[in-house]
Amino acid sequence: MSVYETLRHFADSYGLVVMLAIFVTLCAWPFRPGAKQHNRAAANLIFKDENDGE
């Protein structure tokens, strides 16, 4: 079996599962319980003036 065929087999089987797991994790990451304050701060960041204190 050549390297190409080995990589192709990996991409067709386990690679798809790994990419799906990464996708689901990244989609669910903002909804974790501890992220509420970070999300709120990121949402309001565009309204902060450079003269405002931190």
N, C-alpha and C. Protein backbone atom coordinates (compact mmCIF):
# COMPACT_ATOMS: atom_id res chain seq x y z
N MET A 1 0.85 -1.18 0.00
CA MET A 1 0.00 0.00 0.00
C MET A 1 0.89 1.24 0.00
N SER A 2 0.62 2.15 -0.89
CA SER A 2 1.44 3.36 -0.99
C SER A 2 1.03 4.37 0.08
N VAL A 3 1.84 5.38 0.23
CA VAL A 3 1.55 6.44 1.20
C VAL A 3 0.25 7.15 0.83
N TYR A 4 0.05 7.39 -0.44
CA TYR A 4 -1.18 8.04 -0.89
C TYR A 4 -2.41 7.23 -0.50
N GLU A 5 -2.37 5.92 -0.74
CA GLU A 5 -3.51 5.08 -0.41
C GLU A 5 -3.74 5.03 1.10
N THR A 6 -2.68 5.03 1.87
CA THR A 6 -2.82 5.02 3.33
C THR A 6 -3.46 6.31 3.81
N LEU A 7 -2.99 7.45 3.31
CA LEU A 7 -3.57 8.73 3.70
C LEU A 7 -5.00 8.86 3.21
N ARG A 8 -5.27 8.34 2.04
CA ARG A 8 -6.63 8.40 1.50
C ARG A 8 -7.58 7.57 2.35
N HIS A 9 -7.13 6.41 2.78
CA HIS A 9 -7.95 5.56 3.64
C HIS A 9 -8.21 6.26 4.98
N PHE A 10 -7.18 6.89 5.55
CA PHE A 10 -7.35 7.62 6.81
C PHE A 10 -8.35 8.76 6.65
N ALA A 11 -8.23 9.51 5.56
CA ALA A 11 -9.13 10.65 5.34
C ALA A 11 -10.56 10.19 5.11
N ASP A 12 -10.74 9.06 4.49
CA ASP A 12 -12.08 8.55 4.23
C ASP A 12 -12.74 7.95 5.47
N SER A 13 -11.96 7.55 6.44
CA SER A 13 -12.55 6.88 7.60
C SER A 13 -12.39 7.72 8.87
N TYR A 14 -11.22 7.70 9.45
CA TYR A 14 -11.01 8.37 10.74
C TYR A 14 -10.91 9.88 10.59
N GLY A 15 -10.40 10.36 9.50
CA GLY A 15 -10.27 11.80 9.29
C GLY A 15 -11.62 12.49 9.31
N LEU A 16 -12.62 11.85 8.73
CA LEU A 16 -13.96 12.42 8.72
C LEU A 16 -14.52 12.52 10.14
N VAL A 17 -14.28 11.50 10.94
CA VAL A 17 -14.76 11.50 12.33
C VAL A 17 -14.05 12.59 13.13
N VAL A 18 -12.76 12.74 12.93
CA VAL A 18 -11.99 13.76 13.64
C VAL A 18 -12.46 15.16 13.24
N MET A 19 -12.65 15.40 11.95
CA MET A 19 -13.12 16.71 11.50
C MET A 19 -14.52 17.01 12.03
N LEU A 20 -15.39 16.01 12.08
CA LEU A 20 -16.73 16.20 12.62
C LEU A 20 -16.67 16.53 14.11
N ALA A 21 -15.81 15.85 14.85
CA ALA A 21 -15.67 16.13 16.28
C ALA A 21 -15.14 17.54 16.52
N ILE A 22 -14.18 17.98 15.73
CA ILE A 22 -13.65 19.34 15.85
C ILE A 22 -14.73 20.36 15.52
N PHE A 23 -15.51 20.11 14.48
CA PHE A 23 -16.57 21.02 14.08
C PHE A 23 -17.62 21.16 15.18
N VAL A 24 -18.05 20.05 15.74
CA VAL A 24 -19.07 20.08 16.80
C VAL A 24 -18.52 20.78 18.04
N THR A 25 -17.27 20.53 18.38
CA THR A 25 -16.64 21.19 19.53
C THR A 25 -16.57 22.69 19.33
N LEU A 26 -16.15 23.14 18.16
CA LEU A 26 -16.04 24.57 17.90
C LEU A 26 -17.41 25.25 17.84
N CYS A 27 -18.42 24.54 17.38
CA CYS A 27 -19.77 25.11 17.36
C CYS A 27 -20.36 25.21 18.76
N ALA A 28 -20.03 24.27 19.63
CA ALA A 28 -20.59 24.26 20.98
C ALA A 28 -19.79 25.12 21.96
N TRP A 29 -18.55 25.48 21.61
CA TRP A 29 -17.66 26.20 22.52
C TRP A 29 -18.26 27.50 23.07
N PRO A 30 -18.90 28.36 22.30
CA PRO A 30 -19.47 29.60 22.87
C PRO A 30 -20.63 29.36 23.82
N PHE A 31 -21.23 28.19 23.79
CA PHE A 31 -22.41 27.91 24.61
C PHE A 31 -22.08 27.20 25.93
N ARG A 32 -20.79 27.05 26.23
CA ARG A 32 -20.43 26.40 27.49
C ARG A 32 -20.80 27.31 28.66
N PRO A 33 -21.03 26.75 29.84
CA PRO A 33 -21.53 27.55 30.96
C PRO A 33 -20.62 28.71 31.38
N GLY A 34 -19.32 28.56 31.31
CA GLY A 34 -18.42 29.60 31.78
C GLY A 34 -18.13 30.70 30.77
N ALA A 35 -18.74 30.66 29.62
CA ALA A 35 -18.41 31.60 28.55
C ALA A 35 -19.30 32.82 28.50
N LYS A 36 -20.26 32.92 29.40
CA LYS A 36 -21.24 34.01 29.32
C LYS A 36 -20.57 35.38 29.42
N GLN A 37 -19.68 35.55 30.38
CA GLN A 37 -19.02 36.84 30.56
C GLN A 37 -18.09 37.16 29.37
N HIS A 38 -17.40 36.17 28.87
CA HIS A 38 -16.51 36.39 27.72
C HIS A 38 -17.31 36.79 26.48
N ASN A 39 -18.43 36.13 26.26
CA ASN A 39 -19.27 36.45 25.11
C ASN A 39 -19.85 37.86 25.23
N ARG A 40 -20.29 38.22 26.42
CA ARG A 40 -20.85 39.55 26.63
C ARG A 40 -19.78 40.63 26.42
N ALA A 41 -18.57 40.39 26.93
CA ALA A 41 -17.49 41.34 26.76
C ALA A 41 -17.11 41.49 25.28
N ALA A 42 -17.07 40.39 24.56
CA ALA A 42 -16.75 40.44 23.13
C ALA A 42 -17.83 41.16 22.34
N ALA A 43 -19.09 40.97 22.73
CA ALA A 43 -20.19 41.62 22.03
C ALA A 43 -20.17 43.13 22.24
N ASN A 44 -19.76 43.57 23.41
CA ASN A 44 -19.76 45.01 23.72
C ASN A 44 -18.43 45.69 23.40
N LEU A 45 -17.46 44.94 22.95
CA LEU A 45 -16.13 45.49 22.68
C LEU A 45 -16.17 46.56 21.59
N ILE A 46 -17.01 46.43 20.60
CA ILE A 46 -17.04 47.39 19.50
C ILE A 46 -17.59 48.74 19.93
N PHE A 47 -18.31 48.80 21.06
CA PHE A 47 -18.88 50.05 21.54
C PHE A 47 -17.94 50.79 22.48
N LYS A 48 -16.83 50.19 22.81
CA LYS A 48 -15.90 50.79 23.76
C LYS A 48 -15.05 51.83 23.04
N ASP A 49 -14.96 53.01 23.62
CA ASP A 49 -14.16 54.09 23.04
C ASP A 49 -12.73 53.96 23.55
N GLU A 50 -11.80 54.43 22.78
CA GLU A 50 -10.41 54.33 23.21
C GLU A 50 -10.13 55.22 24.42
N ASN A 51 -10.96 56.21 24.69
CA ASN A 51 -10.78 57.07 25.85
C ASN A 51 -11.42 56.49 27.11
N ASP A 52 -12.24 55.45 26.96
CA ASP A 52 -12.86 54.82 28.12
C ASP A 52 -11.81 54.03 28.89
N GLY A 53 -12.00 53.93 30.18
CA GLY A 53 -11.13 53.10 30.99
C GLY A 53 -11.45 51.64 30.78
N GLU A 54 -10.55 50.79 31.19
CA GLU A 54 -10.78 49.36 31.01
C GLU A 54 -11.53 48.78 32.14
